[in-house]
PDB file of N, CA and C in Angstrom:
ATOM      1  N   MET A   1     105.202  89.211 132.686  1.00  0.00           N
ATOM      2  CA  MET A   1     104.772  88.131 133.497  1.00  0.00           C
ATOM      3  C   MET A   1     105.823  87.981 134.607  1.00  0.00           C
ATOM      4  N   SER A   2     105.351  87.857 135.850  1.00  0.00           N
ATOM      5  CA  SER A   2     106.246  87.778 136.957  1.00  0.00           C
ATOM      6  C   SER A   2     106.847  86.360 136.992  1.00  0.00           C
ATOM      7  N   THR A   3     108.003  86.240 137.738  1.00  0.00           N
ATOM      8  CA  THR A   3     108.681  84.958 137.869  1.00  0.00           C
ATOM      9  C   THR A   3     107.789  83.933 138.493  1.00  0.00           C
ATOM     10  N   ALA A   4     107.031  84.342 139.492  1.00  0.00           N
ATOM     11  CA  ALA A   4     106.125  83.420 140.235  1.00  0.00           C
ATOM     12  C   ALA A   4     105.055  82.838 139.317  1.00  0.00           C
ATOM     13  N   VAL A   5     104.492  83.723 138.455  1.00  0.00           N
ATOM     14  CA  VAL A   5     103.479  83.253 137.536  1.00  0.00           C
ATOM     15  C   VAL A   5     104.035  82.373 136.453  1.00  0.00           C
ATOM     16  N   LEU A   6     105.254  82.706 135.943  1.00  0.00           N
ATOM     17  CA  LEU A   6     105.913  81.827 135.001  1.00  0.00           C
ATOM     18  C   LEU A   6     106.227  80.491 135.559  1.00  0.00           C
ATOM     19  N   ASN A   7     106.757  80.447 136.779  1.00  0.00           N
ATOM     20  CA  ASN A   7     107.088  79.178 137.414  1.00  0.00           C
ATOM     21  C   ASN A   7     105.828  78.322 137.602  1.00  0.00           C
ATOM     22  N   LEU A   8     104.698  78.971 137.965  1.00  0.00           N
ATOM     23  CA  LEU A   8     103.450  78.247 138.151  1.00  0.00           C
ATOM     24  C   LEU A   8     103.004  77.660 136.825  1.00  0.00           C
ATOM     25  N   ALA A   9     103.108  78.462 135.753  1.00  0.00           N
ATOM     26  CA  ALA A   9     102.728  77.943 134.428  1.00  0.00           C
ATOM     27  C   ALA A   9     103.562  76.778 133.995  1.00  0.00           C
ATOM     28  N   LEU A  10     104.878  76.856 134.232  1.00  0.00           N
ATOM     29  CA  LEU A  10     105.775  75.780 133.896  1.00  0.00           C
ATOM     30  C   LEU A  10     105.528  74.544 134.737  1.00  0.00           C
ATOM     31  N   ASP A  11     105.215  74.697 136.008  1.00  0.00           N
ATOM     32  CA  ASP A  11     104.858  73.571 136.842  1.00  0.00           C
ATOM     33  C   ASP A  11     103.608  72.883 136.354  1.00  0.00           C
ATOM     34  N   ASP A  12     102.607  73.686 135.944  1.00  0.00           N
ATOM     35  CA  ASP A  12     101.421  73.102 135.432  1.00  0.00           C
ATOM     36  C   ASP A  12     101.641  72.332 134.132  1.00  0.00           C
ATOM     37  N   LEU A  13     102.526  72.859 133.286  1.00  0.00           N
ATOM     38  CA  LEU A  13     102.932  72.200 132.026  1.00  0.00           C
ATOM     39  C   LEU A  13     103.610  70.843 132.387  1.00  0.00           C
ATOM     40  N   SER A  14     104.522  70.869 133.358  1.00  0.00           N
ATOM     41  CA  SER A  14     105.254  69.697 133.768  1.00  0.00           C
ATOM     42  C   SER A  14     104.293  68.610 134.170  1.00  0.00           C
ATOM     43  N   ARG A  15     103.301  68.958 134.985  1.00  0.00           N
ATOM     44  CA  ARG A  15     102.295  67.931 135.421  1.00  0.00           C
ATOM     45  C   ARG A  15     101.520  67.437 134.244  1.00  0.00           C
ATOM     46  N   GLY A  16     101.222  68.298 133.257  1.00  0.00           N
ATOM     47  CA  GLY A  16     100.420  67.901 132.118  1.00  0.00           C
ATOM     48  C   GLY A  16     101.113  66.943 131.145  1.00  0.00           C
ATOM     49  N   ILE A  17     102.433  66.974 131.097  1.00  0.00           N
ATOM     50  CA  ILE A  17     103.134  66.148 130.095  1.00  0.00           C
ATOM     51  C   ILE A  17     103.957  65.022 130.700  1.00  0.00           C
ATOM     52  N   GLN A  18     103.633  64.709 131.901  1.00  0.00           N
ATOM     53  CA  GLN A  18     104.386  63.640 132.567  1.00  0.00           C
ATOM     54  C   GLN A  18     104.303  62.309 131.816  1.00  0.00           C
ATOM     55  N   GLY A  19     103.154  62.047 131.130  1.00  0.00           N
ATOM     56  CA  GLY A  19     102.978  60.809 130.491  1.00  0.00           C
ATOM     57  C   GLY A  19     103.523  60.742 129.043  1.00  0.00           C
ATOM     58  N   ALA A  20     104.015  61.900 128.535  1.00  0.00           N
ATOM     59  CA  ALA A  20     104.525  61.909 127.135  1.00  0.00           C
ATOM     60  C   ALA A  20     105.803  61.092 127.081  1.00  0.00           C
ATOM     61  N   ARG A  21     105.975  60.417 125.973  1.00  0.00           N
ATOM     62  CA  ARG A  21     107.189  59.539 125.876  1.00  0.00           C
ATOM     63  C   ARG A  21     108.285  60.221 125.100  1.00  0.00           C
ATOM     64  N   PRO A  22     109.482  60.233 125.664  1.00  0.00           N
ATOM     65  CA  PRO A  22     110.609  60.865 124.942  1.00  0.00           C
ATOM     66  C   PRO A  22     111.061  59.882 123.835  1.00  0.00           C
ATOM     67  N   GLU A  23     111.488  60.380 122.691  1.00  0.00           N
ATOM     68  CA  GLU A  23     111.897  59.553 121.611  1.00  0.00           C
ATOM     69  C   GLU A  23     113.349  59.797 121.187  1.00  0.00           C
ATOM     70  N   GLY A  24     114.215  59.995 122.085  1.00  0.00           N
ATOM     71  CA  GLY A  24     115.623  60.208 121.765  1.00  0.00           C
ATOM     72  C   GLY A  24     115.913  61.628 121.527  1.00  0.00           C
ATOM     73  N   TYR A  25     117.148  61.951 121.310  1.00  0.00           N
ATOM     74  CA  TYR A  25     117.644  63.323 121.169  1.00  0.00           C
ATOM     75  C   TYR A  25     117.941  63.512 119.718  1.00  0.00           C
ATOM     76  N   ALA A  26     117.373  64.568 119.113  1.00  0.00           N
ATOM     77  CA  ALA A  26     117.717  64.843 117.733  1.00  0.00           C
ATOM     78  C   ALA A  26     117.283  66.251 117.420  1.00  0.00           C
ATOM     79  N   ARG A  27     118.117  66.956 116.651  1.00  0.00           N
ATOM     80  CA  ARG A  27     117.761  68.254 116.124  1.00  0.00           C
ATOM     81  C   ARG A  27     117.212  67.956 114.716  1.00  0.00           C
ATOM     82  N   ALA A  28     115.940  68.133 114.552  1.00  0.00           N
ATOM     83  CA  ALA A  28     115.317  67.771 113.254  1.00  0.00           C
ATOM     84  C   ALA A  28     114.115  68.617 113.008  1.00  0.00           C
ATOM     85  N   ALA A  29     113.485  68.351 111.898  1.00  0.00           N
ATOM     86  CA  ALA A  29     112.212  69.030 111.631  1.00  0.00           C
ATOM     87  C   ALA A  29     111.193  68.685 112.692  1.00  0.00           C
ATOM     88  N   CYS A  30     110.286  69.576 112.966  1.00  0.00           N
ATOM     89  CA  CYS A  30     109.300  69.362 114.009  1.00  0.00           C
ATOM     90  C   CYS A  30     108.277  68.337 113.574  1.00  0.00           C
ATOM     91  N   ALA A  31     108.383  67.158 114.037  1.00  0.00           N
ATOM     92  CA  ALA A  31     107.364  66.138 113.768  1.00  0.00           C
ATOM     93  C   ALA A  31     106.308  66.190 114.811  1.00  0.00           C
ATOM     94  N   ARG A  32     105.056  66.265 114.425  1.00  0.00           N
ATOM     95  CA  ARG A  32     103.991  66.305 115.357  1.00  0.00           C
ATOM     96  C   ARG A  32     103.183  65.056 115.277  1.00  0.00           C
ATOM     97  N   GLU A  33     103.816  63.922 115.661  1.00  0.00           N
ATOM     98  CA  GLU A  33     103.140  62.650 115.619  1.00  0.00           C
ATOM     99  C   GLU A  33     102.046  62.524 116.686  1.00  0.00           C
ATOM    100  N   GLU A  34     102.342  63.209 117.837  1.00  0.00           N
ATOM    101  CA  GLU A  34     101.375  63.153 118.943  1.00  0.00           C
ATOM    102  C   GLU A  34     100.964  64.600 119.221  1.00  0.00           C
ATOM    103  N   ALA A  35      99.753  64.680 119.763  1.00  0.00           N
ATOM    104  CA  ALA A  35      99.285  66.010 120.187  1.00  0.00           C
ATOM    105  C   ALA A  35      99.711  66.185 121.651  1.00  0.00           C
ATOM    106  N   LEU A  36     100.835  66.873 121.869  1.00  0.00           N
ATOM    107  CA  LEU A  36     101.291  67.134 123.241  1.00  0.00           C
ATOM    108  C   LEU A  36     100.852  68.519 123.675  1.00  0.00           C
ATOM    109  N   PRO A  37     100.537  68.691 124.920  1.00  0.00           N
ATOM    110  CA  PRO A  37     100.191  70.058 125.376  1.00  0.00           C
ATOM    111  C   PRO A  37     101.411  70.949 125.163  1.00  0.00           C
ATOM    112  N   ALA A  38     101.159  72.162 124.803  1.00  0.00           N
ATOM    113  CA  ALA A  38     102.282  73.051 124.495  1.00  0.00           C
ATOM    114  C   ALA A  38     102.097  74.372 125.249  1.00  0.00           C
ATOM    115  N   LEU A  39     103.234  74.980 125.531  1.00  0.00           N
ATOM    116  CA  LEU A  39     103.270  76.305 126.139  1.00  0.00           C
ATOM    117  C   LEU A  39     104.143  77.162 125.262  1.00  0.00           C
ATOM    118  N   ARG A  40     103.632  78.343 124.857  1.00  0.00           N
ATOM    119  CA  ARG A  40     104.348  79.232 124.065  1.00  0.00           C
ATOM    120  C   ARG A  40     105.023  80.328 124.946  1.00  0.00           C
ATOM    121  N   VAL A  41     106.295  80.557 124.756  1.00  0.00           N
ATOM    122  CA  VAL A  41     107.020  81.456 125.620  1.00  0.00           C
ATOM    123  C   VAL A  41     107.852  82.432 124.789  1.00  0.00           C
ATOM    124  N   ALA A  42     107.991  83.646 125.284  1.00  0.00           N
ATOM    125  CA  ALA A  42     108.841  84.681 124.643  1.00  0.00           C
ATOM    126  C   ALA A  42     109.923  85.066 125.577  1.00  0.00           C
ATOM    127  N   LEU A  43     111.133  85.197 125.108  1.00  0.00           N
ATOM    128  CA  LEU A  43     112.278  85.695 125.905  1.00  0.00           C
ATOM    129  C   LEU A  43     112.895  86.830 125.114  1.00  0.00           C
ATOM    130  N   LEU A  44     113.344  87.806 125.909  1.00  0.00           N
ATOM    131  CA  LEU A  44     114.129  88.943 125.344  1.00  0.00           C
ATOM    132  C   LEU A  44     115.592  88.673 125.471  1.00  0.00           C
ATOM    133  N   TYR A  45     116.417  89.431 124.734  1.00  0.00           N
ATOM    134  CA  TYR A  45     117.855  89.297 124.833  1.00  0.00           C
ATOM    135  C   TYR A  45     118.311  89.460 126.308  1.00  0.00           C
ATOM    136  N   GLY A  46     119.127  88.524 126.727  1.00  0.00           N
ATOM    137  CA  GLY A  46     119.683  88.588 128.101  1.00  0.00           C
ATOM    138  C   GLY A  46     118.830  87.760 129.096  1.00  0.00           C
ATOM    139  N   GLU A  47     117.638  87.372 128.676  1.00  0.00           N
ATOM    140  CA  GLU A  47     116.778  86.538 129.605  1.00  0.00           C
ATOM    141  C   GLU A  47     117.127  85.057 129.372  1.00  0.00           C
ATOM    142  N   GLN A  48     117.016  84.292 130.398  1.00  0.00           N
ATOM    143  CA  GLN A  48     117.195  82.863 130.308  1.00  0.00           C
ATOM    144  C   GLN A  48     116.144  82.134 131.128  1.00  0.00           C
ATOM    145  N   LEU A  49     115.892  80.912 130.798  1.00  0.00           N
ATOM    146  CA  LEU A  49     114.892  80.158 131.470  1.00  0.00           C
ATOM    147  C   LEU A  49     115.331  78.680 131.646  1.00  0.00           C
ATOM    148  N   CYS A  50     115.159  78.136 132.796  1.00  0.00           N
ATOM    149  CA  CYS A  50     115.469  76.721 133.014  1.00  0.00           C
ATOM    150  C   CYS A  50     114.194  75.965 132.776  1.00  0.00           C
ATOM    151  N   LEU A  51     114.155  75.112 131.739  1.00  0.00           N
ATOM    152  CA  LEU A  51     113.017  74.402 131.317  1.00  0.00           C
ATOM    153  C   LEU A  51     112.684  73.296 132.310  1.00  0.00           C
ATOM    154  N   PRO A  52     111.444  73.008 132.496  1.00  0.00           N
ATOM    155  CA  PRO A  52     111.047  71.895 133.420  1.00  0.00           C
ATOM    156  C   PRO A  52     111.618  70.589 132.970  1.00  0.00           C
ATOM    157  N   ALA A  53     111.989  69.701 133.881  1.00  0.00           N
ATOM    158  CA  ALA A  53     112.583  68.405 133.527  1.00  0.00           C
ATOM    159  C   ALA A  53     111.629  67.554 132.728  1.00  0.00           C
ATOM    160  N   ALA A  54     110.339  67.764 132.874  1.00  0.00           N
ATOM    161  CA  ALA A  54     109.326  66.948 132.142  1.00  0.00           C
ATOM    162  C   ALA A  54     109.177  67.374 130.694  1.00  0.00           C
ATOM    163  N   SER A  55     109.881  68.395 130.240  1.00  0.00           N
ATOM    164  CA  SER A  55     109.735  68.894 128.849  1.00  0.00           C
ATOM    165  C   SER A  55     110.240  67.815 127.917  1.00  0.00           C
ATOM    166  N   ARG A  56     109.510  67.632 126.781  1.00  0.00           N
ATOM    167  CA  ARG A  56     109.916  66.604 125.791  1.00  0.00           C
ATOM    168  C   ARG A  56     110.392  67.173 124.504  1.00  0.00           C
ATOM    169  N   ARG A  57     109.883  68.355 124.139  1.00  0.00           N
ATOM    170  CA  ARG A  57     110.271  68.945 122.860  1.00  0.00           C
ATOM    171  C   ARG A  57     110.270  70.479 122.938  1.00  0.00           C
ATOM    172  N   LEU A  58     111.263  71.035 122.304  1.00  0.00           N
ATOM    173  CA  LEU A  58     111.396  72.463 122.246  1.00  0.00           C
ATOM    174  C   LEU A  58     111.413  72.844 120.790  1.00  0.00           C
ATOM    175  N   ALA A  59     110.497  73.731 120.363  1.00  0.00           N
ATOM    176  CA  ALA A  59     110.404  74.157 118.964  1.00  0.00           C
ATOM    177  C   ALA A  59     110.557  75.656 118.922  1.00  0.00           C
ATOM    178  N   VAL A  60     111.565  76.154 118.174  1.00  0.00           N
ATOM    179  CA  VAL A  60     111.749  77.601 118.023  1.00  0.00           C
ATOM    180  C   VAL A  60     110.839  78.100 116.936  1.00  0.00           C
ATOM    181  N   LEU A  61     109.997  79.026 117.297  1.00  0.00           N
ATOM    182  CA  LEU A  61     109.046  79.612 116.339  1.00  0.00           C
ATOM    183  C   LEU A  61     109.675  80.762 115.544  1.00  0.00           C
ATOM    184  N   SER A  62     110.395  81.647 116.288  1.00  0.00           N
ATOM    185  CA  SER A  62     111.111  82.738 115.649  1.00  0.00           C
ATOM    186  C   SER A  62     112.214  83.237 116.544  1.00  0.00           C
ATOM    187  N   GLY A  63     113.214  83.846 115.982  1.00  0.00           N
ATOM    188  CA  GLY A  63     114.348  84.303 116.699  1.00  0.00           C
ATOM    189  C   GLY A  63     115.460  83.237 116.765  1.00  0.00           C
ATOM    190  N   ARG A  64     116.452  83.490 117.601  1.00  0.00           N
ATOM    191  CA  ARG A  64     117.556  82.515 117.760  1.00  0.00           C
ATOM    192  C   ARG A  64     117.645  82.178 119.224  1.00  0.00           C
ATOM    193  N   ALA A  65     117.966  80.892 119.520  1.00  0.00           N
ATOM    194  CA  ALA A  65     118.035  80.398 120.895  1.00  0.00           C
ATOM    195  C   ALA A  65     119.404  79.737 121.130  1.00  0.00           C
ATOM    196  N   TRP A  66     119.887  79.898 122.323  1.00  0.00           N
ATOM    197  CA  TRP A  66     121.025  79.186 122.804  1.00  0.00           C
ATOM    198  C   TRP A  66     120.531  78.257 123.868  1.00  0.00           C
ATOM    199  N   VAL A  67     120.636  76.957 123.640  1.00  0.00           N
ATOM    200  CA  VAL A  67     120.123  75.939 124.558  1.00  0.00           C
ATOM    201  C   VAL A  67     121.288  75.094 125.090  1.00  0.00           C
ATOM    202  N   THR A  68     121.350  74.954 126.376  1.00  0.00           N
ATOM    203  CA  THR A  68     122.326  74.013 126.976  1.00  0.00           C
ATOM    204  C   THR A  68     121.546  72.866 127.545  1.00  0.00           C
ATOM    205  N   PHE A  69     121.902  71.642 127.097  1.00  0.00           N
ATOM    206  CA  PHE A  69     121.212  70.445 127.532  1.00  0.00           C
ATOM    207  C   PHE A  69     122.228  69.298 127.563  1.00  0.00           C
ATOM    208  N   ARG A  70     122.261  68.684 128.688  1.00  0.00           N
ATOM    209  CA  ARG A  70     123.188  67.545 128.952  1.00  0.00           C
ATOM    210  C   ARG A  70     124.646  67.897 128.681  1.00  0.00           C
ATOM    211  N   GLY A  71     125.009  69.154 129.025  1.00  0.00           N
ATOM    212  CA  GLY A  71     126.400  69.580 128.887  1.00  0.00           C
ATOM    213  C   GLY A  71     126.795  70.000 127.471  1.00  0.00           C
ATOM    214  N   GLU A  72     125.857  70.051 126.546  1.00  0.00           N
ATOM    215  CA  GLU A  72     126.117  70.467 125.200  1.00  0.00           C
ATOM    216  C   GLU A  72     125.318  71.730 124.894  1.00  0.00           C
ATOM    217  N   ASP A  73     125.974  72.646 124.076  1.00  0.00           N
ATOM    218  CA  ASP A  73     125.318  73.864 123.680  1.00  0.00           C
ATOM    219  C   ASP A  73     124.764  73.684 122.231  1.00  0.00           C
ATOM    220  N   HIS A  74     123.570  74.255 122.036  1.00  0.00           N
ATOM    221  CA  HIS A  74     122.905  74.157 120.714  1.00  0.00           C
ATOM    222  C   HIS A  74     122.408  75.532 120.341  1.00  0.00           C
ATOM    223  N   ILE A  75     122.627  75.919 119.099  1.00  0.00           N
ATOM    224  CA  ILE A  75     122.105  77.171 118.582  1.00  0.00           C
ATOM    225  C   ILE A  75     120.946  76.798 117.646  1.00  0.00           C
ATOM    226  N   LEU A  76     119.755  77.273 117.957  1.00  0.00           N
ATOM    227  CA  LEU A  76     118.548  76.945 117.203  1.00  0.00           C
ATOM    228  C   LEU A  76     117.953  78.196 116.621  1.00  0.00           C
ATOM    229  N   GLU A  77     117.396  78.109 115.434  1.00  0.00           N
ATOM    230  CA  GLU A  77     116.731  79.232 114.780  1.00  0.00           C
ATOM    231  C   GLU A  77     115.307  78.894 114.474  1.00  0.00           C
ATOM    232  N   GLY A  78     114.503  79.859 114.022  1.00  0.00           N
ATOM    233  CA  GLY A  78     113.101  79.603 113.745  1.00  0.00           C
ATOM    234  C   GLY A  78     112.913  78.356 112.862  1.00  0.00           C
ATOM    235  N   GLY A  79     112.051  77.443 113.283  1.00  0.00           N
ATOM    236  CA  GLY A  79     111.770  76.228 112.563  1.00  0.00           C
ATOM    237  C   GLY A  79     112.547  75.028 113.089  1.00  0.00           C
ATOM    238  N   ASP A  80     113.596  75.247 113.907  1.00  0.00           N
ATOM    239  CA  ASP A  80     114.360  74.188 114.471  1.00  0.00           C
ATOM    240  C   ASP A  80     113.674  73.612 115.730  1.00  0.00           C
ATOM    241  N   CYS A  81     113.926  72.339 115.926  1.00  0.00           N
ATOM    242  CA  CYS A  81     113.395  71.652 117.112  1.00  0.00           C
ATOM    243  C   CYS A  81     114.531  70.940 117.835  1.00  0.00           C
ATOM    244  N   LEU A  82     114.287  70.727 119.109  1.00  0.00           N
ATOM    245  CA  LEU A  82     115.239  69.932 119.913  1.00  0.00           C
ATOM    246  C   LEU A  82     114.409  68.961 120.751  1.00  0.00           C
ATOM    247  N   ASP A  83     114.602  67.683 120.553  1.00  0.00           N
ATOM    248  CA  ASP A  83     113.926  66.680 121.367  1.00  0.00           C
ATOM    249  C   ASP A  83     114.753  66.482 122.623  1.00  0.00           C
ATOM    250  N   LEU A  84     114.091  66.531 123.753  1.00  0.00           N
ATOM    251  CA  LEU A  84     114.732  66.379 125.060  1.00  0.00           C
ATOM    252  C   LEU A  84     114.463  64.969 125.583  1.00  0.00           C
ATOM    253  N   MET A  85     115.465  64.119 125.550  1.00  0.00           N
ATOM    254  CA  MET A  85     115.167  62.675 125.766  1.00  0.00           C
ATOM    255  C   MET A  85     115.140  62.262 127.222  1.00  0.00           C
ATOM    256  N   ARG A  86     115.841  62.862 128.148  1.00  0.00           N
ATOM    257  CA  ARG A  86     115.821  62.367 129.507  1.00  0.00           C
ATOM    258  C   ARG A  86     114.981  63.268 130.387  1.00  0.00           C
ATOM    259  N   PRO A  87     113.924  62.725 130.936  1.00  0.00           N
ATOM    260  CA  PRO A  87     112.980  63.586 131.689  1.00  0.00           C
ATOM    261  C   PRO A  87     113.602  64.248 132.934  1.00  0.00           C
ATOM    262  N   ARG A  88     114.696  63.625 133.516  1.00  0.00           N
ATOM    263  CA  ARG A  88     115.312  64.160 134.725  1.00  0.00           C
ATOM    264  C   ARG A  88     116.308  65.253 134.423  1.00  0.00           C
ATOM    265  N   ASP A  89     116.790  65.373 133.135  1.00  0.00           N
ATOM    266  CA  ASP A  89     117.774  66.407 132.789  1.00  0.00           C
ATOM    267  C   ASP A  89     117.036  67.679 132.388  1.00  0.00           C
ATOM    268  N   LYS A  90     117.546  68.782 132.947  1.00  0.00           N
ATOM    269  CA  LYS A  90     116.902  70.067 132.583  1.00  0.00           C
ATOM    270  C   LYS A  90     117.728  70.753 131.459  1.00  0.00           C
ATOM    271  N   ALA A  91     117.020  71.627 130.751  1.00  0.00           N
ATOM    272  CA  ALA A  91     117.685  72.411 129.710  1.00  0.00           C
ATOM    273  C   ALA A  91     117.574  73.865 130.110  1.00  0.00           C
ATOM    274  N   ILE A  92     118.561  74.691 129.682  1.00  0.00           N
ATOM    275  CA  ILE A  92     118.522  76.063 129.893  1.00  0.00           C
ATOM    276  C   ILE A  92     118.478  76.769 128.532  1.00  0.00           C
ATOM    277  N   ILE A  93     117.543  77.707 128.326  1.00  0.00           N
ATOM    278  CA  ILE A  93     117.423  78.386 127.059  1.00  0.00           C
ATOM    279  C   ILE A  93     117.565  79.893 127.290  1.00  0.00           C
ATOM    280  N   SER A  94     118.189  80.536 126.349  1.00  0.00           N
ATOM    281  CA  SER A  94     118.348  82.025 126.328  1.00  0.00           C
ATOM    282  C   SER A  94     118.219  82.517 124.906  1.00  0.00           C
ATOM    283  N   ALA A  95     117.832  83.766 124.811  1.00  0.00           N
ATOM    284  CA  ALA A  95     117.697  84.405 123.501  1.00  0.00           C
ATOM    285  C   ALA A  95     119.008  84.963 123.014  1.00  0.00           C
ATOM    286  N   LEU A  96     119.273  84.770 121.699  1.00  0.00           N
ATOM    287  CA  LEU A  96     120.447  85.300 121.112  1.00  0.00           C
ATOM    288  C   LEU A  96     120.069  86.461 120.156  1.00  0.00           C
ATOM    289  N   GLY A  97     120.920  87.434 120.026  1.00  0.00           N
ATOM    290  CA  GLY A  97     120.620  88.558 119.178  1.00  0.00           C
ATOM    291  C   GLY A  97     119.673  89.521 119.822  1.00  0.00           C
ATOM    292  N   LYS A  98     119.280  90.556 119.044  1.00  0.00           N
ATOM    293  CA  LYS A  98     118.464  91.591 119.627  1.00  0.00           C
ATOM    294  C   LYS A  98     116.962  91.431 119.437  1.00  0.00           C
ATOM    295  N   GLU A  99     116.606  90.423 118.640  1.00  0.00           N
ATOM    296  CA  GLU A  99     115.163  90.237 118.428  1.00  0.00           C
ATOM    297  C   GLU A  99     114.647  89.223 119.475  1.00  0.00           C
ATOM    298  N   GLU A 100     113.343  89.255 119.712  1.00  0.00           N
ATOM    299  CA  GLU A 100     112.737  88.403 120.682  1.00  0.00           C
ATOM    300  C   GLU A 100     112.775  86.947 120.206  1.00  0.00           C
ATOM    301  N   LEU A 101     112.840  86.016 121.173  1.00  0.00           N
ATOM    302  CA  LEU A 101     112.797  84.614 120.879  1.00  0.00           C
ATOM    303  C   LEU A 101     111.389  84.102 121.262  1.00  0.00           C
ATOM    304  N   PHE A 102     110.763  83.443 120.333  1.00  0.00           N
ATOM    305  CA  PHE A 102     109.470  82.775 120.609  1.00  0.00           C
ATOM    306  C   PHE A 102     109.647  81.302 120.405  1.00  0.00           C
ATOM    307  N   PHE A 103     109.257  80.520 121.423  1.00  0.00           N
ATOM    308  CA  PHE A 103     109.393  79.080 121.324  1.00  0.00           C
ATOM    309  C   PHE A 103     108.220  78.369 121.928  1.00  0.00           C
ATOM    310  N   GLU A 104     108.052  77.144 121.541  1.00  0.00           N
ATOM    311  CA  GLU A 104     106.965  76.278 122.063  1.00  0.00           C
ATOM    312  C   GLU A 104     107.593  75.143 122.806  1.00  0.00           C
ATOM    313  N   LEU A 105     107.042  74.839 123.937  1.00  0.00           N
ATOM    314  CA  LEU A 105     107.558  73.793 124.835  1.00  0.00           C
ATOM    315  C   LEU A 105     106.472  72.752 125.024  1.00  0.00           C
ATOM    316  N   ALA A 106     106.767  71.505 124.760  1.00  0.00           N
ATOM    317  CA  ALA A 106     105.774  70.402 124.937  1.00  0.00           C
ATOM    318  C   ALA A 106     106.406  69.315 125.731  1.00  0.00           C
TER     319      ALA A 106
END
């Protein structure tokens, strides 16, 4: 997928989740209280992505992720979630290890 196509997809996702309410910052089990629109993304080792500021939740489906959010680094593995509480703060995610990282962004 080209960078332009990926940016377009992330922009569309940002517009689609503007009304979602952030519920604080926590690394916890993935609670699906609301049906939020989701985008599934795959990253290879060495790739990184700046997540849209409107993102509310990041759920790692498989692989390992290094996420930098609000000046803090987080290592997430399959099944881990990260709630992103401030809509104006962006997060950066990259894949760790040699296996692909699959995650869901809502």
